[in-house]
Amino acid sequence: MINTKPRDVQAIYIADETFALRSRSWNRLRFEIEYALEKGTTANSFLIQGNFLALIDPPGETFTAIYLAELRKRINIGDISYVILGHVNQNRIETLKALLEINSRITFICTNPGAIALRQSLGEKVKIQVVRGEETLDLGKGHLLKFIPTSTPRHPDELCTYDSKTRVLYTDKFFGAHICGDQVFDEGWSHLLGDRRYYFDSTMANQVRQVEAALEKLTVMPAVFYAPGHGPMLKNGLHELVNLYRQWSEAQKQQNISVALLFASAYGNTTTIANALARGITKAGVSVELINCENAEPEEIKIAIEKSSGFLIGSPTLGGHLPTQVQTALGIVLSTATKSYQAGVFGSYGWSGEAVDIISGKLKDAGYTLAFEPIRIKFTPTEATLQICEETGTDFAQALKQSKKVRTTLNPGSTVEQAVGRIVGSICVLTVKRGEISTAMLASWVSQASFNPPGLTIAVAKDRAIETYLFEGDRFVLNILEQGKQLRKHFMKKFAPGEDRFTDVKVEETEGGLILPDGLAYLECCVMQRMECGDHWLVYAVVENGKLLQSNGLTAIHHRKTASNY
């Protein structure tokens, strides 16, 4: 259900002379993969009141008016000396312009890539203090700020800030979560781990080399708590989450197949596509090395290609041509990657979109085979196109694994595996309906888990497209199939990315999912818990409604021969 609460700004005193101003979006956002849990988000900004006033990370333009109104309740905006930017994006620029209209004396503090973006948007005369190493800034009253550049491919201008008086570490994109609520700190932190894991998988898992480098810099700061750019602040579960970041990063590095994902982006749209593809690849158990061609050195690109088993290249179109950085990267790929590599091309455009065709043509002329039709998206990707990109990434990874003959079990056909395979289950179709997205999966690992309330568990493979829609609070329909009917065959086939799973199938829409009237029975369910179990997620759901459709029918059963057989 859509949350109709209006956007607001929650202001709260969090440390000596320090306020958090949390701009809250309650609506079910889904304009990038990282927001797919649809729990809204907070854009966290911070005000430090030393002898000089410093503002950290003002929010985007949809909050400009109410943010400035909340700020005026506490300070004279004309007294602000510094605005510190963890990263610079176009959405934030409008708020920065509004601040400058009130106070033209503001000095912005950011890294060099951020300074370039600021001058392009605000003009050459804007006052900027560029952070190149580990500079400090004394605000007075003991607030000595230390700046920590933590560049990543997705945010090359990333900057974290540590306040030596309050021992608060402002981590911007690191350790965030897209959750909107009244909770400011992470009390009951373990209940937030599902959201934090999804955020990591969507934003960090494709750049773990840079994440580990950032952890080395950040964890030496003796912080009382971390203040990220999104979601609750970390105090109670801080050390646990830092350790999990290390574990999750190490797990990505241990994958025996990797993909080099090279891209450049003019307005952020190609970056969004790249992240959706990367999310799909990592879900399938293949690691991704995300390379932003605008900031990467040629040697870095060469090394990434050499250690990968396949590559993807994404580019915007600028004046009918490739950006220079993409041309350079493409040259390195052509001279480094063997012709047996799996390859793919994607990009966004505003008018003509020649870049994707140019890259595709050069790769084909050089003898490479494209694993999928080039992805060309005009302007901003939609929810539906992002889903297609994610599923394309998963298919690309699975094709790589198949070509490398990577098996999902250690001892296929062993006595133990054959014994486990004799556990049988009913054959069901799990369906989900979210806005313009409808999807389904055939499920046979279903078991009743509780009587009161009536509950069940479902094991869902990590590479299934539907797993994105099975987090706490999500709703779905479990359709139990009847023995001897043909409905099973329809859902057994492999669907192409974005293909309609319900073509020629009779359906009835209900909250959260689709009912199959030709099934034996259906259950309308709500996810209560989710647990990671090896290569699957185990979902526990409570049954809220249901109906037996065929009183004399028998449940379709799946008989397996081995544990790895679906």
Protein backbone atom coordinates (compact mmCIF):
# COMPACT_ATOMS: atom_id res chain seq x y z
CA MET A 1 0.00 0.00 0.00
CA ILE A 2 1.19 3.52 -0.78
CA ASN A 3 2.03 5.61 2.27
CA THR A 4 0.18 8.91 1.99
CA LYS A 5 2.03 10.72 4.77
CA PRO A 6 3.53 13.98 3.47
CA ARG A 7 7.27 14.43 3.26
CA ASP A 8 8.73 16.11 6.30
CA VAL A 9 11.99 16.92 8.10
CA GLN A 10 12.70 15.33 11.48
CA ALA A 11 15.13 17.43 13.54
CA ILE A 12 16.82 15.95 16.60
CA TYR A 13 19.80 16.80 18.82
CA ILE A 14 22.29 13.92 18.52
CA ALA A 15 25.55 15.19 20.08
CA ASP A 16 27.19 18.33 21.48
CA GLU A 17 26.20 21.31 19.30
CA THR A 18 25.04 18.82 16.65
CA PHE A 19 21.63 18.34 15.04
CA ALA A 20 20.43 15.71 12.59
CA LEU A 21 17.87 16.92 10.06
CA ARG A 22 16.34 13.83 8.47
CA SER A 23 14.33 14.59 5.33
CA ARG A 24 11.81 11.78 5.13
CA SER A 25 10.18 10.24 2.04
CA TRP A 26 7.44 7.91 3.24
CA ASN A 27 6.35 6.75 -0.20
CA ARG A 28 7.32 3.38 -1.64
CA LEU A 29 10.23 4.57 -3.77
CA ARG A 30 11.57 2.42 -6.62
CA PHE A 31 13.50 4.58 -9.04
CA GLU A 32 16.74 2.63 -8.58
CA ILE A 33 17.44 -0.99 -7.67
CA GLU A 34 18.67 0.03 -4.20
CA TYR A 35 15.17 1.34 -3.36
CA ALA A 36 13.37 -1.85 -4.38
CA LEU A 37 12.29 -2.74 -0.83
CA GLU A 38 9.93 0.22 -1.21
CA LYS A 39 10.10 1.39 2.39
CA GLY A 40 10.80 5.01 1.57
CA THR A 41 14.04 6.56 2.82
CA THR A 42 15.61 9.39 4.76
CA ALA A 43 18.09 11.92 3.40
CA ASN A 44 20.17 12.65 6.48
CA SER A 45 21.77 16.08 6.88
CA PHE A 46 23.72 17.36 9.89
CA LEU A 47 24.35 20.77 11.46
CA ILE A 48 27.45 21.35 13.62
CA GLN A 49 27.38 24.59 15.63
CA GLY A 50 30.94 25.48 16.58
CA ASN A 51 32.28 29.03 16.40
CA PHE A 52 31.69 28.47 12.70
CA LEU A 53 28.55 26.72 11.44
CA ALA A 54 28.93 23.72 9.16
CA LEU A 55 26.18 21.91 7.30
CA ILE A 56 26.75 18.34 6.08
CA ASP A 57 24.88 16.92 3.07
CA PRO A 58 21.79 19.08 2.40
CA PRO A 59 18.99 17.01 0.77
CA GLY A 60 17.64 17.00 -2.79
CA GLU A 61 15.34 19.51 -4.42
CA THR A 62 12.06 17.87 -3.39
CA PHE A 63 12.92 18.85 0.20
CA THR A 64 14.45 22.29 -0.42
CA ALA A 65 11.60 24.42 0.93
CA ILE A 66 10.73 22.40 4.04
CA TYR A 67 14.40 21.75 4.80
CA LEU A 68 15.28 25.45 4.75
CA ALA A 69 12.20 26.20 6.88
CA GLU A 70 13.34 23.66 9.49
CA LEU A 71 16.89 25.01 9.35
CA ARG A 72 15.67 28.58 9.97
CA LYS A 73 14.08 27.47 13.25
CA ARG A 74 17.56 26.82 14.62
CA ILE A 75 20.00 29.18 12.90
CA ASN A 76 20.35 32.18 10.68
CA ILE A 77 21.23 30.63 7.31
CA GLY A 78 23.38 33.68 6.63
CA ASP A 79 25.70 32.52 9.45
CA ILE A 80 26.63 29.22 7.74
CA SER A 81 30.34 29.18 6.89
CA TYR A 82 30.75 25.72 5.36
CA VAL A 83 28.68 23.14 3.49
CA ILE A 84 30.38 19.73 3.46
CA LEU A 85 29.37 17.38 0.66
CA GLY A 86 29.77 13.62 0.95
CA HIS A 87 29.04 13.50 -2.76
CA VAL A 88 27.62 15.83 -5.40
CA ASN A 89 24.59 14.96 -7.51
CA GLN A 90 22.21 16.98 -9.66
CA ASN A 91 19.30 16.38 -7.32
CA ARG A 92 21.17 18.15 -4.51
CA ILE A 93 22.23 21.12 -6.66
CA GLU A 94 18.89 22.94 -6.37
CA THR A 95 19.14 23.02 -2.58
CA LEU A 96 22.71 24.31 -2.82
CA LYS A 97 21.55 27.08 -5.16
CA ALA A 98 18.84 28.06 -2.66
CA LEU A 99 21.42 28.22 0.13
CA LEU A 100 23.69 30.40 -1.99
CA GLU A 101 20.86 32.81 -2.78
CA ILE A 102 20.51 33.42 0.95
CA ASN A 103 24.21 33.26 1.83
CA SER A 104 26.69 33.81 -1.02
CA ARG A 105 29.66 33.55 1.37
CA ILE A 106 29.29 29.78 1.88
CA THR A 107 32.41 27.71 1.23
CA PHE A 108 31.78 24.20 -0.09
CA ILE A 109 34.08 21.40 1.02
CA CYS A 110 34.36 18.37 -1.27
CA THR A 111 36.82 16.24 -3.21
CA ASN A 112 38.16 17.26 -6.62
CA PRO A 113 35.56 15.27 -8.68
CA GLY A 114 32.89 16.94 -6.58
CA ALA A 115 34.43 20.36 -7.18
CA ILE A 116 34.34 19.81 -10.94
CA ALA A 117 30.64 18.94 -10.76
CA LEU A 118 29.90 21.93 -8.52
CA ARG A 119 31.58 24.42 -10.87
CA GLN A 120 29.69 23.00 -13.83
CA SER A 121 26.39 23.56 -12.02
CA LEU A 122 27.06 26.62 -9.87
CA GLY A 123 29.64 28.51 -11.89
CA GLU A 124 33.35 29.14 -11.60
CA LYS A 125 33.02 31.79 -8.90
CA VAL A 126 31.60 29.45 -6.25
CA LYS A 127 33.88 29.12 -3.19
CA ILE A 128 35.26 25.61 -2.86
CA GLN A 129 37.79 24.06 -0.52
CA VAL A 130 39.04 20.88 -2.21
CA VAL A 131 39.97 17.89 -0.07
CA ARG A 132 42.86 15.98 -1.63
CA GLY A 133 44.22 13.99 1.30
CA GLU A 134 43.38 14.05 4.98
CA GLU A 135 42.82 17.76 5.60
CA THR A 136 41.19 19.06 8.78
CA LEU A 137 38.90 21.98 9.60
CA ASP A 138 38.63 23.61 13.02
CA LEU A 139 35.10 24.88 13.65
CA GLY A 140 35.89 25.92 17.22
CA LYS A 141 34.41 24.68 20.53
CA GLY A 142 36.49 21.53 20.07
CA HIS A 143 34.92 20.50 16.75
CA LEU A 144 38.01 19.58 14.74
CA LEU A 145 36.80 17.88 11.58
CA LYS A 146 38.91 15.33 9.74
CA PHE A 147 38.06 14.59 6.10
CA ILE A 148 38.46 11.09 4.69
CA PRO A 149 38.20 10.65 0.88
CA THR A 150 36.65 7.25 0.11
CA SER A 151 36.24 7.20 -3.67
CA THR A 152 34.20 4.40 -5.28
CA PRO A 153 33.29 3.78 -8.94
CA ARG A 154 29.70 4.73 -8.27
CA HIS A 155 30.61 7.85 -6.26
CA PRO A 156 34.12 8.95 -7.27
CA ASP A 157 33.78 12.09 -5.13
CA GLU A 158 32.81 10.21 -1.94
CA LEU A 159 33.93 12.00 1.26
CA CYS A 160 33.45 10.98 4.89
CA THR A 161 33.88 13.35 7.85
CA TYR A 162 34.93 12.69 11.48
CA ASP A 163 34.28 15.10 14.36
CA SER A 164 36.95 14.66 17.04
CA LYS A 165 34.82 16.28 19.78
CA THR A 166 31.63 14.27 19.42
CA ARG A 167 33.39 11.26 17.89
CA VAL A 168 30.68 11.03 15.26
CA LEU A 169 31.74 9.62 11.88
CA TYR A 170 29.61 10.90 9.00
CA THR A 171 29.76 8.05 6.47
CA ASP A 172 27.50 9.30 3.64
CA LYS A 173 26.84 6.29 1.35
CA PHE A 174 28.53 3.72 3.60
CA PHE A 175 26.45 1.74 6.15
CA GLY A 176 23.13 3.19 5.00
CA ALA A 177 19.70 1.63 4.52
CA HIS A 178 16.59 2.85 2.75
CA ILE A 179 14.09 2.84 5.61
CA CYS A 180 11.77 5.67 6.60
CA GLY A 181 10.48 5.93 10.15
CA ASP A 182 10.71 7.76 13.46
CA GLN A 183 13.64 5.64 14.67
CA VAL A 184 16.85 7.72 14.64
CA PHE A 185 19.32 5.18 16.06
CA ASP A 186 19.54 1.42 15.50
CA GLU A 187 17.82 0.06 18.60
CA GLY A 188 16.88 -3.52 17.80
CA TRP A 189 19.67 -3.43 15.20
CA SER A 190 19.35 -7.10 14.26
CA HIS A 191 15.87 -6.46 12.83
CA LEU A 192 17.43 -3.96 10.41
CA LEU A 193 19.98 -6.39 9.00
CA GLY A 194 17.80 -7.49 6.10
CA ASP A 195 17.50 -3.89 4.90
CA ARG A 196 21.21 -3.21 5.41
CA ARG A 197 22.17 -6.41 3.57
CA TYR A 198 19.97 -5.47 0.62
CA TYR A 199 21.51 -1.99 0.56
CA PHE A 200 25.01 -3.52 0.55
CA ASP A 201 24.13 -6.00 -2.20
CA SER A 202 22.66 -3.21 -4.34
CA THR A 203 25.28 -0.50 -3.83
CA MET A 204 28.49 -2.02 -2.46
CA ALA A 205 28.79 -5.64 -3.63
CA ASN A 206 29.97 -4.54 -7.08
CA GLN A 207 32.85 -2.43 -5.71
CA VAL A 208 34.20 -4.45 -2.78
CA ARG A 209 37.82 -3.54 -3.47
CA GLN A 210 37.02 0.11 -2.79
CA VAL A 211 34.75 -0.83 0.12
CA GLU A 212 37.58 -2.68 1.83
CA ALA A 213 39.92 0.27 1.26
CA ALA A 214 37.33 2.59 2.81
CA LEU A 215 36.89 0.29 5.81
CA GLU A 216 40.62 0.47 6.49
CA LYS A 217 40.37 4.27 6.65
CA LEU A 218 37.11 4.55 8.56
CA THR A 219 37.52 1.91 11.23
CA VAL A 220 40.65 3.54 12.71
CA MET A 221 38.46 6.49 13.76
CA PRO A 222 37.42 6.04 17.44
CA ALA A 223 33.76 6.70 16.66
CA VAL A 224 30.90 6.56 19.17
CA PHE A 225 28.44 6.14 16.33
CA TYR A 226 28.21 6.34 12.54
CA ALA A 227 25.87 8.81 10.84
CA PRO A 228 25.14 7.56 7.29
CA GLY A 229 23.35 9.48 4.56
CA HIS A 230 20.28 7.21 4.64
CA GLY A 231 18.36 5.41 7.36
CA PRO A 232 18.99 5.04 11.12
CA MET A 233 22.36 5.88 12.65
CA LEU A 234 24.62 3.08 13.88
CA LYS A 235 25.42 2.79 17.57
CA ASN A 236 24.18 -0.50 19.02
CA GLY A 237 25.04 -2.68 16.04
CA LEU A 238 28.00 -0.69 14.73
CA HIS A 239 30.75 -3.26 15.22
CA GLU A 240 28.55 -6.10 14.01
CA LEU A 241 27.71 -4.26 10.78
CA VAL A 242 31.35 -3.34 10.13
CA ASN A 243 32.28 -7.01 10.51
CA LEU A 244 29.42 -8.01 8.21
CA TYR A 245 30.63 -5.53 5.59
CA ARG A 246 33.98 -7.32 5.73
CA GLN A 247 32.37 -10.75 5.50
CA TRP A 248 30.09 -9.78 2.62
CA SER A 249 33.01 -8.21 0.76
CA GLU A 250 35.19 -11.28 1.30
CA ALA A 251 32.37 -13.53 0.05
CA GLN A 252 32.30 -11.55 -3.21
CA LYS A 253 36.06 -11.86 -3.61
CA GLN A 254 35.89 -15.63 -3.13
CA GLN A 255 33.64 -16.16 -6.16
CA ASN A 256 35.60 -18.05 -8.81
CA ILE A 257 34.02 -16.16 -11.72
CA SER A 258 34.04 -12.39 -12.13
CA VAL A 259 32.67 -9.86 -14.60
CA ALA A 260 34.26 -6.53 -15.49
CA LEU A 261 31.48 -3.94 -15.77
CA LEU A 262 32.78 -0.77 -17.43
CA PHE A 263 30.67 2.36 -17.80
CA ALA A 264 30.52 6.13 -18.03
CA SER A 265 27.45 8.21 -17.28
CA ALA A 266 26.53 11.76 -18.23
CA TYR A 267 23.38 12.21 -16.09
CA GLY A 268 23.35 9.10 -13.91
CA ASN A 269 21.01 7.01 -16.07
CA THR A 270 23.72 4.71 -17.41
CA THR A 271 24.97 4.27 -13.83
CA THR A 272 21.47 3.17 -12.81
CA ILE A 273 21.42 0.57 -15.59
CA ALA A 274 24.91 -0.64 -14.59
CA ASN A 275 23.82 -1.10 -10.97
CA ALA A 276 20.75 -3.10 -12.02
CA LEU A 277 22.89 -5.39 -14.19
CA ALA A 278 25.43 -5.77 -11.39
CA ARG A 279 22.71 -6.63 -8.89
CA GLY A 280 21.48 -9.42 -11.16
CA ILE A 281 25.00 -10.77 -11.66
CA THR A 282 25.90 -10.88 -7.97
CA LYS A 283 22.57 -12.58 -7.15
CA ALA A 284 23.67 -15.48 -9.36
CA GLY A 285 26.90 -16.00 -7.42
CA VAL A 286 29.28 -14.19 -9.78
CA SER A 287 31.38 -11.26 -8.60
CA VAL A 288 31.44 -7.88 -10.34
CA GLU A 289 34.25 -5.36 -10.69
CA LEU A 290 32.54 -2.03 -11.34
CA ILE A 291 34.79 0.35 -13.29
CA ASN A 292 33.85 4.00 -13.80
CA CYS A 293 35.78 4.85 -16.96
CA GLU A 294 35.72 8.57 -16.14
CA ASN A 295 37.99 8.04 -13.12
CA ALA A 296 39.77 4.74 -13.76
CA GLU A 297 43.39 4.44 -14.84
CA PRO A 298 44.08 2.36 -17.99
CA GLU A 299 46.05 -0.17 -15.93
CA GLU A 300 43.09 -0.65 -13.58
CA ILE A 301 40.83 -1.44 -16.55
CA LYS A 302 43.39 -3.83 -18.02
CA ILE A 303 43.76 -5.76 -14.74
CA ALA A 304 39.99 -6.04 -14.31
CA ILE A 305 39.60 -7.45 -17.82
CA GLU A 306 42.48 -9.92 -17.39
CA LYS A 307 41.03 -11.48 -14.24
CA SER A 308 37.43 -11.58 -15.50
CA SER A 309 35.54 -14.21 -17.49
CA GLY A 310 33.31 -11.71 -19.27
CA PHE A 311 32.65 -8.00 -19.59
CA LEU A 312 29.89 -5.44 -20.05
CA ILE A 313 30.34 -1.93 -21.43
CA GLY A 314 27.88 0.89 -20.90
CA SER A 315 27.91 4.38 -22.35
CA PRO A 316 25.76 7.46 -22.85
CA THR A 317 25.68 9.17 -26.25
CA LEU A 318 27.26 12.64 -26.37
CA GLY A 319 26.81 14.49 -29.64
CA GLY A 320 26.36 11.23 -31.51
CA HIS A 321 29.66 9.82 -30.22
CA LEU A 322 31.24 7.83 -27.40
CA PRO A 323 32.76 9.77 -24.50
CA THR A 324 36.54 9.80 -24.77
CA GLN A 325 36.91 7.71 -21.61
CA VAL A 326 34.71 4.94 -23.06
CA GLN A 327 36.70 4.99 -26.32
CA THR A 328 39.88 4.46 -24.29
CA ALA A 329 38.31 1.64 -22.26
CA LEU A 330 37.00 -0.05 -25.39
CA GLY A 331 40.49 0.03 -26.90
CA ILE A 332 41.89 -1.68 -23.80
CA VAL A 333 39.15 -4.32 -23.92
CA LEU A 334 39.80 -5.09 -27.60
CA SER A 335 43.51 -5.53 -26.96
CA THR A 336 43.13 -7.53 -23.72
CA ALA A 337 40.01 -9.73 -23.71
CA THR A 338 40.10 -13.02 -25.58
CA LYS A 339 37.40 -13.67 -28.16
CA SER A 340 35.87 -16.39 -25.97
CA TYR A 341 34.76 -13.81 -23.40
CA GLN A 342 31.04 -13.32 -22.88
CA ALA A 343 30.19 -9.69 -23.67
CA GLY A 344 27.31 -7.26 -23.36
CA VAL A 345 26.54 -3.63 -24.20
CA PHE A 346 24.14 -1.12 -22.64
CA GLY A 347 23.51 2.59 -22.42
CA SER A 348 21.06 5.45 -22.07
CA TYR A 349 20.48 8.31 -24.48
CA GLY A 350 18.42 11.44 -24.98
CA TRP A 351 18.04 11.71 -28.74
CA SER A 352 19.86 9.39 -31.11
CA GLY A 353 21.71 6.81 -28.99
CA GLU A 354 24.55 5.93 -31.38
CA ALA A 355 26.99 4.95 -28.59
CA VAL A 356 25.48 1.51 -27.98
CA ASP A 357 25.52 0.72 -31.70
CA ILE A 358 29.12 1.91 -32.07
CA ILE A 359 30.34 -0.31 -29.21
CA SER A 360 28.30 -3.30 -30.40
CA GLY A 361 29.62 -2.93 -33.94
CA LYS A 362 33.27 -2.74 -32.86
CA LEU A 363 32.92 -5.79 -30.63
CA LYS A 364 31.23 -7.84 -33.35
CA ASP A 365 33.81 -6.76 -35.93
CA ALA A 366 36.54 -7.90 -33.54
CA GLY A 367 34.98 -11.36 -33.25
CA TYR A 368 33.18 -11.14 -29.90
CA THR A 369 29.73 -12.66 -29.41
CA LEU A 370 27.17 -10.59 -27.52
CA ALA A 371 25.36 -12.59 -24.85
CA PHE A 372 22.20 -10.47 -25.11
CA GLU A 373 20.65 -7.87 -27.36
CA PRO A 374 22.20 -4.46 -26.54
CA ILE A 375 20.18 -2.56 -23.94
CA ARG A 376 19.23 0.93 -25.14
CA ILE A 377 17.12 3.02 -22.75
CA LYS A 378 15.88 6.49 -23.58
CA PHE A 379 16.17 8.99 -20.74
CA THR A 380 15.49 7.59 -17.24
CA PRO A 381 15.00 3.83 -16.74
CA THR A 382 11.55 2.80 -15.51
CA GLU A 383 10.70 0.20 -12.89
CA ALA A 384 10.00 -2.31 -15.64
CA THR A 385 13.25 -1.68 -17.53
CA LEU A 386 15.27 -1.96 -14.32
CA GLN A 387 13.68 -5.36 -13.70
CA ILE A 388 14.65 -6.41 -17.23
CA CYS A 389 18.22 -5.24 -16.62
CA GLU A 390 18.47 -7.17 -13.36
CA GLU A 391 17.15 -10.35 -14.96
CA THR A 392 19.53 -9.84 -17.91
CA GLY A 393 22.43 -9.64 -15.46
CA THR A 394 21.34 -12.89 -13.82
CA ASP A 395 21.05 -14.67 -17.17
CA PHE A 396 24.49 -13.35 -18.17
CA ALA A 397 26.01 -14.73 -14.95
CA GLN A 398 24.31 -18.09 -15.31
CA ALA A 399 25.59 -18.40 -18.88
CA LEU A 400 29.11 -17.69 -17.62
CA LYS A 401 28.80 -20.37 -14.95
CA GLN A 402 27.50 -22.85 -17.49
CA SER A 403 30.37 -22.11 -19.86
CA LYS A 404 32.84 -22.60 -17.01
CA LYS A 405 30.99 -25.75 -15.89
CA VAL A 406 30.57 -24.43 -12.35
CA ARG A 407 28.33 -26.76 -10.39
CA THR A 408 26.16 -25.70 -7.47
CA THR A 409 26.89 -28.82 -5.42
CA LEU A 410 30.17 -30.22 -4.18
CA ASN A 411 29.31 -33.91 -4.52
CA PRO A 412 26.65 -34.29 -7.22
CA GLY A 413 25.04 -37.71 -7.20
CA SER A 414 26.53 -38.71 -3.82
CA THR A 415 24.60 -41.02 -1.50
CA VAL A 416 23.80 -38.12 0.84
CA GLU A 417 22.57 -35.93 -2.01
CA GLN A 418 20.39 -38.71 -3.34
CA ALA A 419 18.93 -39.25 0.11
CA VAL A 420 18.18 -35.55 0.58
CA GLY A 421 16.57 -35.53 -2.84
CA ARG A 422 13.93 -37.99 -1.65
CA ILE A 423 12.32 -35.22 0.40
CA VAL A 424 9.25 -34.31 -1.61
CA GLY A 425 7.12 -31.20 -1.66
CA SER A 426 3.98 -29.82 -3.22
CA ILE A 427 4.33 -27.95 -6.51
CA CYS A 428 3.23 -24.34 -6.20
CA VAL A 429 3.47 -21.10 -8.16
CA LEU A 430 4.42 -18.08 -6.09
CA THR A 431 3.15 -14.83 -7.63
CA VAL A 432 3.87 -11.19 -6.85
CA LYS A 433 2.25 -7.99 -8.12
CA ARG A 434 4.01 -4.65 -7.46
CA GLY A 435 2.83 -1.67 -9.49
CA GLU A 436 3.65 -2.37 -13.13
CA ILE A 437 5.67 -5.48 -12.22
CA SER A 438 4.09 -8.95 -12.15
CA THR A 439 6.31 -11.98 -11.70
CA ALA A 440 6.15 -15.61 -10.64
CA MET A 441 8.26 -18.66 -9.83
CA LEU A 442 7.65 -22.38 -9.60
CA ALA A 443 8.22 -23.47 -5.99
CA SER A 444 8.49 -26.98 -4.58
CA TRP A 445 10.41 -26.28 -1.36
CA VAL A 446 7.32 -25.29 0.62
CA SER A 447 6.45 -26.49 4.12
CA GLN A 448 3.89 -25.63 6.78
CA ALA A 449 5.73 -24.01 9.68
CA SER A 450 3.07 -23.08 12.25
CA PHE A 451 -0.59 -23.66 13.16
CA ASN A 452 -1.34 -20.49 15.10
CA PRO A 453 -0.95 -18.24 13.26
CA PRO A 454 -1.08 -20.43 10.14
CA GLY A 455 2.37 -20.04 8.61
CA LEU A 456 4.65 -21.60 6.04
CA THR A 457 8.26 -21.49 4.84
CA ILE A 458 9.47 -21.25 1.26
CA ALA A 459 13.05 -21.67 0.09
CA VAL A 460 13.86 -19.24 -2.73
CA ALA A 461 17.11 -19.42 -4.72
CA LYS A 462 19.13 -16.21 -4.53
CA ASP A 463 19.22 -15.83 -8.29
CA ARG A 464 15.42 -15.84 -8.67
CA ALA A 465 14.01 -12.52 -9.87
CA ILE A 466 11.16 -12.77 -7.40
CA GLU A 467 13.38 -12.76 -4.29
CA THR A 468 13.56 -8.95 -4.47
CA TYR A 469 9.87 -8.85 -3.53
CA LEU A 470 10.01 -11.23 -0.54
CA PHE A 471 11.21 -9.09 2.35
CA GLU A 472 9.48 -8.49 5.68
CA GLY A 473 6.07 -6.91 5.13
CA ASP A 474 5.82 -7.94 1.47
CA ARG A 475 2.76 -9.84 0.28
CA PHE A 476 2.45 -12.65 -2.25
CA VAL A 477 0.09 -15.40 -3.35
CA LEU A 478 1.06 -19.07 -3.16
CA ASN A 479 -0.91 -21.02 -5.77
CA ILE A 480 -0.98 -24.77 -5.05
CA LEU A 481 -1.16 -26.77 -8.28
CA GLU A 482 -3.37 -29.79 -9.00
CA GLN A 483 -1.96 -33.15 -10.01
CA GLY A 484 -2.27 -33.99 -13.70
CA LYS A 485 -2.91 -30.43 -14.91
CA GLN A 486 -0.83 -28.57 -17.50
CA LEU A 487 -0.34 -25.35 -15.52
CA ARG A 488 2.94 -26.68 -14.16
CA LYS A 489 4.50 -26.95 -17.63
CA HIS A 490 3.83 -23.30 -18.38
CA PHE A 491 5.84 -22.12 -15.39
CA MET A 492 8.63 -24.68 -15.85
CA LYS A 493 9.88 -23.01 -19.02
CA LYS A 494 12.69 -20.46 -18.97
CA PHE A 495 11.45 -16.89 -19.36
CA ALA A 496 13.43 -14.18 -21.10
CA PRO A 497 14.23 -11.02 -19.10
CA GLY A 498 11.05 -8.97 -18.79
CA GLU A 499 8.88 -11.62 -20.47
CA ASP A 500 5.29 -11.78 -19.22
CA ARG A 501 5.00 -14.89 -17.03
CA PHE A 502 1.21 -14.91 -17.35
CA THR A 503 0.67 -14.91 -21.12
CA ASP A 504 -2.25 -17.24 -21.96
CA VAL A 505 -2.78 -17.98 -18.24
CA LYS A 506 -6.02 -17.11 -16.47
CA VAL A 507 -5.36 -14.85 -13.46
CA GLU A 508 -7.25 -12.85 -10.86
CA GLU A 509 -5.54 -9.93 -9.15
CA THR A 510 -5.49 -9.59 -5.38
CA GLU A 511 -3.40 -7.56 -2.92
CA GLY A 512 0.24 -8.43 -3.43
CA GLY A 513 -0.10 -11.14 -6.05
CA LEU A 514 -2.09 -13.01 -8.69
CA ILE A 515 -4.47 -15.92 -8.15
CA LEU A 516 -4.44 -18.80 -10.66
CA PRO A 517 -8.09 -19.97 -10.81
CA ASP A 518 -7.03 -23.19 -12.55
CA GLY A 519 -4.95 -24.20 -9.54
CA LEU A 520 -6.00 -26.48 -6.67
CA ALA A 521 -5.94 -23.79 -3.98
CA TYR A 522 -4.34 -20.48 -3.13
CA LEU A 523 -2.99 -18.74 -0.03
CA GLU A 524 -2.55 -14.99 0.38
CA CYS A 525 0.52 -14.47 2.55
CA CYS A 526 2.59 -11.79 4.28
CA VAL A 527 6.34 -12.22 4.83
CA MET A 528 7.27 -12.08 8.52
CA GLN A 529 10.92 -13.17 8.48
CA ARG A 530 13.69 -13.94 6.03
CA MET A 531 16.88 -15.89 6.69
CA GLU A 532 19.97 -16.53 4.54
CA CYS A 533 20.61 -20.26 4.04
CA GLY A 534 23.57 -20.90 1.73
CA ASP A 535 22.45 -20.40 -1.86
CA HIS A 536 18.80 -19.82 -0.85
CA TRP A 537 16.70 -17.42 1.19
CA LEU A 538 14.27 -19.06 3.63
CA VAL A 539 11.09 -17.00 3.86
CA TYR A 540 8.60 -17.43 6.70
CA ALA A 541 5.14 -16.05 5.91
CA VAL A 542 1.79 -15.92 7.67
CA VAL A 543 -1.32 -16.92 5.75
CA GLU A 544 -3.89 -14.11 5.77
CA ASN A 545 -6.47 -15.55 3.39
CA GLY A 546 -6.97 -18.54 1.14
CA LYS A 547 -9.39 -20.82 -0.64
CA LEU A 548 -9.67 -24.40 -1.88
CA LEU A 549 -10.64 -24.19 -5.56
CA GLN A 550 -10.96 -27.90 -6.44
CA SER A 551 -12.44 -29.93 -3.56
CA ASN A 552 -11.78 -33.32 -5.20
CA GLY A 553 -8.32 -32.59 -6.63
CA LEU A 554 -4.97 -33.93 -5.43
CA THR A 555 -1.89 -31.81 -4.77
CA ALA A 556 0.80 -31.97 -7.45
CA ILE A 557 3.99 -33.41 -5.94
CA HIS A 558 7.60 -32.95 -7.04
CA HIS A 559 9.66 -36.17 -6.87
CA ARG A 560 13.41 -35.54 -7.13
CA LYS A 561 16.37 -37.88 -7.57
CA THR A 562 19.08 -35.65 -6.09
CA ALA A 563 19.21 -32.67 -3.75
CA SER A 564 20.32 -30.37 -6.57
CA ASN A 565 17.40 -31.25 -8.82
CA TYR A 566 14.46 -28.84 -8.89
